[in-house]
Amino acid sequence: MAKFKGAIGYVSQVETAPGVWEDLATEKNYRGDVILNQERWQPTEGANDNLNLDNSISIIADNYAYANLGYIKYIVWHGQKWKVQSLAINRPRIVLQIGGLYNGG
């Protein structure tokens, strides 16, 4: 089984001026295991297809991860930010299912 060591991105909205809200990303480092490592190409209308990962990564979670589950948006893996599509709580671990590249939002 492959090992994971990288950052998880938590994204929340903060008011930077009255009525102005912006995304604030906080990254925390974790270790874990890659329990599914699968890639697929998704056809697009453009010239190039998009690469999607159907990977599951199981991290050893801490109190911060459990307290901020709703803010987990991406995982940094192989130098790229990938969207977290779903997660499963399996104490003391959280299993993250990742998909395409994360572009914010």
PDB file of N, CA and C in Angstrom:
ATOM      1  N   MET A   1       0.844  -1.177   0.000  1.00  0.00           N
ATOM      2  CA  MET A   1       0.000   0.000   0.000  1.00  0.00           C
ATOM      3  C   MET A   1       0.890   1.242   0.000  1.00  0.00           C
ATOM      4  N   ALA A   2       0.563   2.180  -0.858  1.00  0.00           N
ATOM      5  CA  ALA A   2       1.331   3.424  -0.956  1.00  0.00           C
ATOM      6  C   ALA A   2       1.016   4.323   0.238  1.00  0.00           C
ATOM      7  N   LYS A   3       1.976   5.130   0.597  1.00  0.00           N
ATOM      8  CA  LYS A   3       1.827   6.061   1.714  1.00  0.00           C
ATOM      9  C   LYS A   3       1.508   7.461   1.198  1.00  0.00           C
ATOM     10  N   PHE A   4       0.783   8.217   1.998  1.00  0.00           N
ATOM     11  CA  PHE A   4       0.470   9.607   1.694  1.00  0.00           C
ATOM     12  C   PHE A   4       1.087  10.490   2.763  1.00  0.00           C
ATOM     13  N   LYS A   5       1.688  11.584   2.326  1.00  0.00           N
ATOM     14  CA  LYS A   5       2.164  12.626   3.224  1.00  0.00           C
ATOM     15  C   LYS A   5       1.956  13.934   2.488  1.00  0.00           C
ATOM     16  N   GLY A   6       1.059  14.775   2.992  1.00  0.00           N
ATOM     17  CA  GLY A   6       0.769  16.022   2.309  1.00  0.00           C
ATOM     18  C   GLY A   6      -0.238  16.865   3.063  1.00  0.00           C
ATOM     19  N   ALA A   7      -0.710  17.900   2.403  1.00  0.00           N
ATOM     20  CA  ALA A   7      -1.605  18.877   3.031  1.00  0.00           C
ATOM     21  C   ALA A   7      -3.054  18.637   2.640  1.00  0.00           C
ATOM     22  N   ILE A   8      -3.917  18.956   3.581  1.00  0.00           N
ATOM     23  CA  ILE A   8      -5.361  18.999   3.360  1.00  0.00           C
ATOM     24  C   ILE A   8      -5.749  20.469   3.436  1.00  0.00           C
ATOM     25  N   GLY A   9      -6.539  20.938   2.456  1.00  0.00           N
ATOM     26  CA  GLY A   9      -6.968  22.330   2.422  1.00  0.00           C
ATOM     27  C   GLY A   9      -8.353  22.505   2.995  1.00  0.00           C
ATOM     28  N   TYR A  10      -8.455  23.361   3.996  1.00  0.00           N
ATOM     29  CA  TYR A  10      -9.730  23.736   4.609  1.00  0.00           C
ATOM     30  C   TYR A  10     -10.055  25.130   4.106  1.00  0.00           C
ATOM     31  N   VAL A  11     -11.233  25.302   3.519  1.00  0.00           N
ATOM     32  CA  VAL A  11     -11.589  26.596   2.939  1.00  0.00           C
ATOM     33  C   VAL A  11     -12.859  27.114   3.604  1.00  0.00           C
ATOM     34  N   SER A  12     -12.762  28.318   4.166  1.00  0.00           N
ATOM     35  CA  SER A  12     -13.924  28.968   4.774  1.00  0.00           C
ATOM     36  C   SER A  12     -14.032  30.375   4.207  1.00  0.00           C
ATOM     37  N   GLN A  13     -15.187  30.973   4.378  1.00  0.00           N
ATOM     38  CA  GLN A  13     -15.382  32.346   3.903  1.00  0.00           C
ATOM     39  C   GLN A  13     -15.261  33.306   5.081  1.00  0.00           C
ATOM     40  N   VAL A  14     -14.518  34.380   4.831  1.00  0.00           N
ATOM     41  CA  VAL A  14     -14.334  35.408   5.850  1.00  0.00           C
ATOM     42  C   VAL A  14     -14.740  36.750   5.259  1.00  0.00           C
ATOM     43  N   GLU A  15     -15.270  37.608   6.108  1.00  0.00           N
ATOM     44  CA  GLU A  15     -15.671  38.948   5.672  1.00  0.00           C
ATOM     45  C   GLU A  15     -14.451  39.854   5.760  1.00  0.00           C
ATOM     46  N   THR A  16     -13.956  40.315   4.612  1.00  0.00           N
ATOM     47  CA  THR A  16     -12.762  41.158   4.574  1.00  0.00           C
ATOM     48  C   THR A  16     -13.087  42.645   4.656  1.00  0.00           C
ATOM     49  N   ALA A  17     -14.302  42.997   4.321  1.00  0.00           N
ATOM     50  CA  ALA A  17     -14.834  44.361   4.439  1.00  0.00           C
ATOM     51  C   ALA A  17     -16.345  44.191   4.557  1.00  0.00           C
ATOM     52  N   PRO A  18     -17.038  45.200   5.020  1.00  0.00           N
ATOM     53  CA  PRO A  18     -18.490  45.048   5.152  1.00  0.00           C
ATOM     54  C   PRO A  18     -19.142  44.595   3.840  1.00  0.00           C
ATOM     55  N   GLY A  19     -19.753  43.415   3.880  1.00  0.00           N
ATOM     56  CA  GLY A  19     -20.437  42.862   2.713  1.00  0.00           C
ATOM     57  C   GLY A  19     -19.529  42.201   1.690  1.00  0.00           C
ATOM     58  N   VAL A  20     -18.215  42.147   1.959  1.00  0.00           N
ATOM     59  CA  VAL A  20     -17.266  41.530   1.030  1.00  0.00           C
ATOM     60  C   VAL A  20     -16.725  40.242   1.662  1.00  0.00           C
ATOM     61  N   TRP A  21     -17.001  39.105   1.021  1.00  0.00           N
ATOM     62  CA  TRP A  21     -16.594  37.806   1.543  1.00  0.00           C
ATOM     63  C   TRP A  21     -15.586  37.174   0.597  1.00  0.00           C
ATOM     64  N   GLU A  22     -14.549  36.598   1.150  1.00  0.00           N
ATOM     65  CA  GLU A  22     -13.520  35.930   0.363  1.00  0.00           C
ATOM     66  C   GLU A  22     -13.204  34.572   0.973  1.00  0.00           C
ATOM     67  N   ASP A  23     -12.726  33.655   0.107  1.00  0.00           N
ATOM     68  CA  ASP A  23     -12.315  32.339   0.587  1.00  0.00           C
ATOM     69  C   ASP A  23     -10.973  32.449   1.297  1.00  0.00           C
ATOM     70  N   LEU A  24     -10.873  31.793   2.440  1.00  0.00           N
ATOM     71  CA  LEU A  24      -9.619  31.712   3.181  1.00  0.00           C
ATOM     72  C   LEU A  24      -9.245  30.245   3.292  1.00  0.00           C
ATOM     73  N   ALA A  25      -8.112  29.882   2.733  1.00  0.00           N
ATOM     74  CA  ALA A  25      -7.652  28.494   2.766  1.00  0.00           C
ATOM     75  C   ALA A  25      -6.605  28.327   3.863  1.00  0.00           C
ATOM     76  N   THR A  26      -6.774  27.274   4.637  1.00  0.00           N
ATOM     77  CA  THR A  26      -5.809  26.888   5.662  1.00  0.00           C
ATOM     78  C   THR A  26      -5.378  25.474   5.348  1.00  0.00           C
ATOM     79  N   GLU A  27      -4.081  25.236   5.260  1.00  0.00           N
ATOM     80  CA  GLU A  27      -3.576  23.893   4.965  1.00  0.00           C
ATOM     81  C   GLU A  27      -2.943  23.288   6.206  1.00  0.00           C
ATOM     82  N   LYS A  28      -3.260  22.029   6.448  1.00  0.00           N
ATOM     83  CA  LYS A  28      -2.683  21.259   7.562  1.00  0.00           C
ATOM     84  C   LYS A  28      -2.079  19.996   6.977  1.00  0.00           C
ATOM     85  N   ASN A  29      -0.927  19.596   7.486  1.00  0.00           N
ATOM     86  CA  ASN A  29      -0.237  18.412   6.988  1.00  0.00           C
ATOM     87  C   ASN A  29      -0.687  17.150   7.709  1.00  0.00           C
ATOM     88  N   TYR A  30      -0.811  16.068   6.931  1.00  0.00           N
ATOM     89  CA  TYR A  30      -1.252  14.778   7.456  1.00  0.00           C
ATOM     90  C   TYR A  30      -0.451  13.654   6.815  1.00  0.00           C
ATOM     91  N   ARG A  31      -0.540  12.502   7.448  1.00  0.00           N
ATOM     92  CA  ARG A  31       0.038  11.268   6.919  1.00  0.00           C
ATOM     93  C   ARG A  31      -1.070  10.229   6.834  1.00  0.00           C
ATOM     94  N   GLY A  32      -0.876   9.286   5.923  1.00  0.00           N
ATOM     95  CA  GLY A  32      -1.875   8.232   5.804  1.00  0.00           C
ATOM     96  C   GLY A  32      -1.506   7.250   4.722  1.00  0.00           C
ATOM     97  N   ASP A  33      -2.530   6.594   4.184  1.00  0.00           N
ATOM     98  CA  ASP A  33      -2.356   5.551   3.180  1.00  0.00           C
ATOM     99  C   ASP A  33      -3.220   5.832   1.955  1.00  0.00           C
ATOM    100  N   VAL A  34      -2.691   5.504   0.791  1.00  0.00           N
ATOM    101  CA  VAL A  34      -3.467   5.544  -0.444  1.00  0.00           C
ATOM    102  C   VAL A  34      -4.111   4.168  -0.574  1.00  0.00           C
ATOM    103  N   ILE A  35      -5.427   4.102  -0.408  1.00  0.00           N
ATOM    104  CA  ILE A  35      -6.081   2.793  -0.415  1.00  0.00           C
ATOM    105  C   ILE A  35      -6.711   2.454  -1.764  1.00  0.00           C
ATOM    106  N   LEU A  36      -6.826   3.434  -2.637  1.00  0.00           N
ATOM    107  CA  LEU A  36      -7.242   3.199  -4.019  1.00  0.00           C
ATOM    108  C   LEU A  36      -6.509   4.213  -4.873  1.00  0.00           C
ATOM    109  N   ASN A  37      -5.833   3.737  -5.909  1.00  0.00           N
ATOM    110  CA  ASN A  37      -5.052   4.621  -6.774  1.00  0.00           C
ATOM    111  C   ASN A  37      -5.478   4.355  -8.211  1.00  0.00           C
ATOM    112  N   GLN A  38      -6.383   5.169  -8.711  1.00  0.00           N
ATOM    113  CA  GLN A  38      -6.960   4.940 -10.033  1.00  0.00           C
ATOM    114  C   GLN A  38      -7.171   6.282 -10.725  1.00  0.00           C
ATOM    115  N   GLU A  39      -6.852   6.342 -12.002  1.00  0.00           N
ATOM    116  CA  GLU A  39      -7.008   7.574 -12.776  1.00  0.00           C
ATOM    117  C   GLU A  39      -7.892   7.301 -13.984  1.00  0.00           C
ATOM    118  N   ARG A  40      -8.567   8.358 -14.448  1.00  0.00           N
ATOM    119  CA  ARG A  40      -9.371   8.232 -15.669  1.00  0.00           C
ATOM    120  C   ARG A  40      -9.407   9.584 -16.365  1.00  0.00           C
ATOM    121  N   TRP A  41      -9.541   9.510 -17.659  1.00  0.00           N
ATOM    122  CA  TRP A  41      -9.661  10.724 -18.472  1.00  0.00           C
ATOM    123  C   TRP A  41     -11.129  11.005 -18.699  1.00  0.00           C
ATOM    124  N   GLN A  42     -11.528  12.268 -18.507  1.00  0.00           N
ATOM    125  CA  GLN A  42     -12.908  12.688 -18.710  1.00  0.00           C
ATOM    126  C   GLN A  42     -12.974  13.533 -19.971  1.00  0.00           C
ATOM    127  N   PRO A  43     -13.734  13.089 -20.960  1.00  0.00           N
ATOM    128  CA  PRO A  43     -13.841  13.877 -22.196  1.00  0.00           C
ATOM    129  C   PRO A  43     -14.456  15.255 -21.928  1.00  0.00           C
ATOM    130  N   THR A  44     -13.972  16.242 -22.671  1.00  0.00           N
ATOM    131  CA  THR A  44     -14.497  17.601 -22.555  1.00  0.00           C
ATOM    132  C   THR A  44     -14.830  18.128 -23.943  1.00  0.00           C
ATOM    133  N   GLU A  45     -15.429  19.281 -23.990  1.00  0.00           N
ATOM    134  CA  GLU A  45     -15.759  19.923 -25.260  1.00  0.00           C
ATOM    135  C   GLU A  45     -14.517  20.543 -25.907  1.00  0.00           C
ATOM    136  N   GLY A  46     -13.473  20.768 -25.101  1.00  0.00           N
ATOM    137  CA  GLY A  46     -12.250  21.401 -25.596  1.00  0.00           C
ATOM    138  C   GLY A  46     -11.319  20.399 -26.260  1.00  0.00           C
ATOM    139  N   ALA A  47     -10.121  20.863 -26.532  1.00  0.00           N
ATOM    140  CA  ALA A  47      -9.131  20.043 -27.229  1.00  0.00           C
ATOM    141  C   ALA A  47      -8.555  18.947 -26.352  1.00  0.00           C
ATOM    142  N   ASN A  48      -8.465  19.194 -25.044  1.00  0.00           N
ATOM    143  CA  ASN A  48      -7.849  18.221 -24.140  1.00  0.00           C
ATOM    144  C   ASN A  48      -8.856  17.671 -23.150  1.00  0.00           C
ATOM    145  N   ASP A  49      -8.731  16.386 -22.847  1.00  0.00           N
ATOM    146  CA  ASP A  49      -9.559  15.772 -21.823  1.00  0.00           C
ATOM    147  C   ASP A  49      -9.006  16.133 -20.447  1.00  0.00           C
ATOM    148  N   ASN A  50      -9.855  16.038 -19.427  1.00  0.00           N
ATOM    149  CA  ASN A  50      -9.435  16.312 -18.057  1.00  0.00           C
ATOM    150  C   ASN A  50      -9.067  15.014 -17.362  1.00  0.00           C
ATOM    151  N   LEU A  51      -8.007  15.052 -16.550  1.00  0.00           N
ATOM    152  CA  LEU A  51      -7.615  13.912 -15.750  1.00  0.00           C
ATOM    153  C   LEU A  51      -8.357  13.970 -14.431  1.00  0.00           C
ATOM    154  N   ASN A  52      -9.059  12.897 -14.095  1.00  0.00           N
ATOM    155  CA  ASN A  52      -9.719  12.778 -12.805  1.00  0.00           C
ATOM    156  C   ASN A  52      -9.100  11.616 -12.060  1.00  0.00           C
ATOM    157  N   LEU A  53      -8.978  11.780 -10.760  1.00  0.00           N
ATOM    158  CA  LEU A  53      -8.503  10.701  -9.915  1.00  0.00           C
ATOM    159  C   LEU A  53      -9.694  10.089  -9.209  1.00  0.00           C
ATOM    160  N   ASP A  54      -9.737   8.798  -9.150  1.00  0.00           N
ATOM    161  CA  ASP A  54     -10.745   8.098  -8.360  1.00  0.00           C
ATOM    162  C   ASP A  54     -10.031   7.474  -7.168  1.00  0.00           C
ATOM    163  N   ASN A  55      -9.252   8.288  -6.481  1.00  0.00           N
ATOM    164  CA  ASN A  55      -8.406   7.789  -5.407  1.00  0.00           C
ATOM    165  C   ASN A  55      -9.078   7.962  -4.058  1.00  0.00           C
ATOM    166  N   SER A  56      -8.766   7.044  -3.170  1.00  0.00           N
ATOM    167  CA  SER A  56      -9.170   7.153  -1.780  1.00  0.00           C
ATOM    168  C   SER A  56      -7.912   7.214  -0.939  1.00  0.00           C
ATOM    169  N   ILE A  57      -7.857   8.222  -0.093  1.00  0.00           N
ATOM    170  CA  ILE A  57      -6.713   8.404   0.787  1.00  0.00           C
ATOM    171  C   ILE A  57      -7.220   8.437   2.218  1.00  0.00           C
ATOM    172  N   SER A  58      -6.643   7.575   3.034  1.00  0.00           N
ATOM    173  CA  SER A  58      -7.025   7.466   4.433  1.00  0.00           C
ATOM    174  C   SER A  58      -5.980   8.193   5.272  1.00  0.00           C
ATOM    175  N   ILE A  59      -6.393   9.260   5.955  1.00  0.00           N
ATOM    176  CA  ILE A  59      -5.462  10.021   6.786  1.00  0.00           C
ATOM    177  C   ILE A  59      -5.706   9.709   8.255  1.00  0.00           C
ATOM    178  N   ILE A  60      -4.665   9.856   9.040  1.00  0.00           N
ATOM    179  CA  ILE A  60      -4.804   9.774  10.488  1.00  0.00           C
ATOM    180  C   ILE A  60      -5.235  11.158  10.933  1.00  0.00           C
ATOM    181  N   ALA A  61      -6.473  11.277  11.367  1.00  0.00           N
ATOM    182  CA  ALA A  61      -7.071  12.586  11.648  1.00  0.00           C
ATOM    183  C   ALA A  61      -6.724  13.069  13.054  1.00  0.00           C
ATOM    184  N   ASP A  62      -6.816  14.380  13.223  1.00  0.00           N
ATOM    185  CA  ASP A  62      -6.631  15.003  14.529  1.00  0.00           C
ATOM    186  C   ASP A  62      -7.917  15.740  14.903  1.00  0.00           C
ATOM    187  N   ASN A  63      -7.905  16.391  16.056  1.00  0.00           N
ATOM    188  CA  ASN A  63      -9.100  17.114  16.503  1.00  0.00           C
ATOM    189  C   ASN A  63      -9.491  18.219  15.529  1.00  0.00           C
ATOM    190  N   TYR A  64      -8.503  18.884  14.921  1.00  0.00           N
ATOM    191  CA  TYR A  64      -8.801  19.943  13.960  1.00  0.00           C
ATOM    192  C   TYR A  64      -9.582  19.391  12.768  1.00  0.00           C
ATOM    193  N   ALA A  65      -9.169  18.239  12.271  1.00  0.00           N
ATOM    194  CA  ALA A  65      -9.857  17.630  11.127  1.00  0.00           C
ATOM    195  C   ALA A  65     -11.308  17.302  11.476  1.00  0.00           C
ATOM    196  N   TYR A  66     -11.535  16.712  12.639  1.00  0.00           N
ATOM    197  CA  TYR A  66     -12.910  16.371  13.036  1.00  0.00           C
ATOM    198  C   TYR A  66     -13.762  17.612  13.270  1.00  0.00           C
ATOM    199  N   ALA A  67     -13.173  18.668  13.813  1.00  0.00           N
ATOM    200  CA  ALA A  67     -13.921  19.895  14.095  1.00  0.00           C
ATOM    201  C   ALA A  67     -14.223  20.690  12.826  1.00  0.00           C
ATOM    202  N   ASN A  68     -13.488  20.432  11.740  1.00  0.00           N
ATOM    203  CA  ASN A  68     -13.633  21.223  10.516  1.00  0.00           C
ATOM    204  C   ASN A  68     -13.944  20.373   9.291  1.00  0.00           C
ATOM    205  N   LEU A  69     -14.639  19.269   9.476  1.00  0.00           N
ATOM    206  CA  LEU A  69     -14.965  18.374   8.365  1.00  0.00           C
ATOM    207  C   LEU A  69     -15.643  19.090   7.202  1.00  0.00           C
ATOM    208  N   GLY A  70     -16.539  19.999   7.507  1.00  0.00           N
ATOM    209  CA  GLY A  70     -17.299  20.700   6.474  1.00  0.00           C
ATOM    210  C   GLY A  70     -16.484  21.667   5.638  1.00  0.00           C
ATOM    211  N   TYR A  71     -15.266  21.950   6.067  1.00  0.00           N
ATOM    212  CA  TYR A  71     -14.419  22.897   5.343  1.00  0.00           C
ATOM    213  C   TYR A  71     -13.348  22.211   4.498  1.00  0.00           C
ATOM    214  N   ILE A  72     -13.267  20.884   4.546  1.00  0.00           N
ATOM    215  CA  ILE A  72     -12.264  20.174   3.756  1.00  0.00           C
ATOM    216  C   ILE A  72     -12.664  20.273   2.289  1.00  0.00           C
ATOM    217  N   LYS A  73     -11.812  20.902   1.474  1.00  0.00           N
ATOM    218  CA  LYS A  73     -12.121  21.125   0.060  1.00  0.00           C
ATOM    219  C   LYS A  73     -11.143  20.472  -0.894  1.00  0.00           C
ATOM    220  N   TYR A  74      -9.861  20.361  -0.487  1.00  0.00           N
ATOM    221  CA  TYR A  74      -8.876  19.800  -1.405  1.00  0.00           C
ATOM    222  C   TYR A  74      -7.755  19.094  -0.644  1.00  0.00           C
ATOM    223  N   ILE A  75      -7.006  18.320  -1.410  1.00  0.00           N
ATOM    224  CA  ILE A  75      -5.840  17.626  -0.891  1.00  0.00           C
ATOM    225  C   ILE A  75      -4.681  17.918  -1.839  1.00  0.00           C
ATOM    226  N   VAL A  76      -3.516  18.162  -1.283  1.00  0.00           N
ATOM    227  CA  VAL A  76      -2.330  18.419  -2.106  1.00  0.00           C
ATOM    228  C   VAL A  76      -1.597  17.085  -2.257  1.00  0.00           C
ATOM    229  N   TRP A  77      -1.499  16.640  -3.514  1.00  0.00           N
ATOM    230  CA  TRP A  77      -0.877  15.342  -3.785  1.00  0.00           C
ATOM    231  C   TRP A  77      -0.102  15.443  -5.084  1.00  0.00           C
ATOM    232  N   HIS A  78       1.137  15.036  -5.072  1.00  0.00           N
ATOM    233  CA  HIS A  78       2.024  15.117  -6.234  1.00  0.00           C
ATOM    234  C   HIS A  78       2.095  16.536  -6.793  1.00  0.00           C
ATOM    235  N   GLY A  79       2.119  17.527  -5.885  1.00  0.00           N
ATOM    236  CA  GLY A  79       2.295  18.914  -6.294  1.00  0.00           C
ATOM    237  C   GLY A  79       1.059  19.600  -6.852  1.00  0.00           C
ATOM    238  N   GLN A  80      -0.085  18.932  -6.832  1.00  0.00           N
ATOM    239  CA  GLN A  80      -1.330  19.511  -7.350  1.00  0.00           C
ATOM    240  C   GLN A  80      -2.402  19.521  -6.266  1.00  0.00           C
ATOM    241  N   LYS A  81      -3.354  20.420  -6.404  1.00  0.00           N
ATOM    242  CA  LYS A  81      -4.505  20.442  -5.506  1.00  0.00           C
ATOM    243  C   LYS A  81      -5.647  19.685  -6.179  1.00  0.00           C
ATOM    244  N   TRP A  82      -6.181  18.658  -5.488  1.00  0.00           N
ATOM    245  CA  TRP A  82      -7.261  17.826  -6.012  1.00  0.00           C
ATOM    246  C   TRP A  82      -8.501  17.989  -5.142  1.00  0.00           C
ATOM    247  N   LYS A  83      -9.681  18.077  -5.776  1.00  0.00           N
ATOM    248  CA  LYS A  83     -10.943  18.241  -5.067  1.00  0.00           C
ATOM    249  C   LYS A  83     -11.256  17.022  -4.213  1.00  0.00           C
ATOM    250  N   VAL A  84     -11.715  17.270  -3.010  1.00  0.00           N
ATOM    251  CA  VAL A  84     -12.255  16.203  -2.175  1.00  0.00           C
ATOM    252  C   VAL A  84     -13.733  16.105  -2.512  1.00  0.00           C
ATOM    253  N   GLN A  85     -14.140  14.945  -3.044  1.00  0.00           N
ATOM    254  CA  GLN A  85     -15.531  14.764  -3.463  1.00  0.00           C
ATOM    255  C   GLN A  85     -16.415  14.229  -2.356  1.00  0.00           C
ATOM    256  N   SER A  86     -15.825  13.414  -1.491  1.00  0.00           N
ATOM    257  CA  SER A  86     -16.583  12.884  -0.360  1.00  0.00           C
ATOM    258  C   SER A  86     -15.599  12.412   0.692  1.00  0.00           C
ATOM    259  N   LEU A  87     -16.114  12.193   1.882  1.00  0.00           N
ATOM    260  CA  LEU A  87     -15.270  11.674   2.949  1.00  0.00           C
ATOM    261  C   LEU A  87     -16.067  10.730   3.821  1.00  0.00           C
ATOM    262  N   ALA A  88     -15.348   9.828   4.464  1.00  0.00           N
ATOM    263  CA  ALA A  88     -15.958   8.866   5.385  1.00  0.00           C
ATOM    264  C   ALA A  88     -15.182   8.909   6.693  1.00  0.00           C
ATOM    265  N   ILE A  89     -15.913   8.978   7.783  1.00  0.00           N
ATOM    266  CA  ILE A  89     -15.283   9.005   9.096  1.00  0.00           C
ATOM    267  C   ILE A  89     -15.137   7.570   9.572  1.00  0.00           C
ATOM    268  N   ASN A  90     -13.915   7.202   9.858  1.00  0.00           N
ATOM    269  CA  ASN A  90     -13.568   5.850  10.295  1.00  0.00           C
ATOM    270  C   ASN A  90     -12.556   5.991  11.423  1.00  0.00           C
ATOM    271  N   ARG A  91     -12.970   6.560  12.548  1.00  0.00           N
ATOM    272  CA  ARG A  91     -12.048   6.921  13.636  1.00  0.00           C
ATOM    273  C   ARG A  91     -11.047   5.825  13.916  1.00  0.00           C
ATOM    274  N   PRO A  92      -9.783   6.179  14.036  1.00  0.00           N
ATOM    275  CA  PRO A  92      -9.194   7.516  14.111  1.00  0.00           C
ATOM    276  C   PRO A  92      -8.827   8.080  12.745  1.00  0.00           C
ATOM    277  N   ARG A  93      -9.402   7.541  11.682  1.00  0.00           N
ATOM    278  CA  ARG A  93      -9.061   7.962  10.327  1.00  0.00           C
ATOM    279  C   ARG A  93     -10.244   8.644   9.640  1.00  0.00           C
ATOM    280  N   ILE A  94      -9.905   9.418   8.625  1.00  0.00           N
ATOM    281  CA  ILE A  94     -10.896   9.958   7.697  1.00  0.00           C
ATOM    282  C   ILE A  94     -10.446   9.527   6.309  1.00  0.00           C
ATOM    283  N   VAL A  95     -11.372   8.929   5.547  1.00  0.00           N
ATOM    284  CA  VAL A  95     -11.061   8.485   4.194  1.00  0.00           C
ATOM    285  C   VAL A  95     -11.601   9.532   3.224  1.00  0.00           C
ATOM    286  N   LEU A  96     -10.707  10.089   2.418  1.00  0.00           N
ATOM    287  CA  LEU A  96     -11.061  11.136   1.465  1.00  0.00           C
ATOM    288  C   LEU A  96     -11.095  10.554   0.060  1.00  0.00           C
ATOM    289  N   GLN A  97     -12.199  10.751  -0.647  1.00  0.00           N
ATOM    290  CA  GLN A  97     -12.327  10.355  -2.048  1.00  0.00           C
ATOM    291  C   GLN A  97     -12.039  11.598  -2.873  1.00  0.00           C
ATOM    292  N   ILE A  98     -11.033  11.539  -3.754  1.00  0.00           N
ATOM    293  CA  ILE A  98     -10.680  12.721  -4.524  1.00  0.00           C
ATOM    294  C   ILE A  98     -11.014  12.539  -5.996  1.00  0.00           C
ATOM    295  N   GLY A  99     -11.168  13.681  -6.684  1.00  0.00           N
ATOM    296  CA  GLY A  99     -11.566  13.664  -8.095  1.00  0.00           C
ATOM    297  C   GLY A  99     -10.659  14.532  -8.937  1.00  0.00           C
ATOM    298  N   GLY A 100     -11.228  15.540  -9.578  1.00  0.00           N
ATOM    299  CA  GLY A 100     -10.480  16.397 -10.502  1.00  0.00           C
ATOM    300  C   GLY A 100      -9.660  17.460  -9.789  1.00  0.00           C
ATOM    301  N   LEU A 101      -8.988  18.257 -10.578  1.00  0.00           N
ATOM    302  CA  LEU A 101      -8.170  19.334 -10.034  1.00  0.00           C
ATOM    303  C   LEU A 101      -9.052  20.374  -9.337  1.00  0.00           C
ATOM    304  N   TYR A 102      -8.549  20.905  -8.252  1.00  0.00           N
ATOM    305  CA  TYR A 102      -9.242  21.940  -7.491  1.00  0.00           C
ATOM    306  C   TYR A 102      -8.864  23.300  -8.059  1.00  0.00           C
ATOM    307  N   ASN A 103      -9.875  24.081  -8.413  1.00  0.00           N
ATOM    308  CA  ASN A 103      -9.645  25.415  -8.978  1.00  0.00           C
ATOM    309  C   ASN A 103     -10.246  26.500  -8.104  1.00  0.00           C
ATOM    310  N   GLY A 104     -10.451  26.196  -6.851  1.00  0.00           N
ATOM    311  CA  GLY A 104     -11.074  27.155  -5.930  1.00  0.00           C
ATOM    312  C   GLY A 104     -12.576  27.040  -5.997  1.00  0.00           C
ATOM    313  N   GLY A 105     -13.226  27.708  -5.085  1.00  0.00           N
ATOM    314  CA  GLY A 105     -14.685  27.712  -5.063  1.00  0.00           C
ATOM    315  C   GLY A 105     -15.327  26.506  -4.477  1.00  0.00           C
TER     316      GLY A 105
END
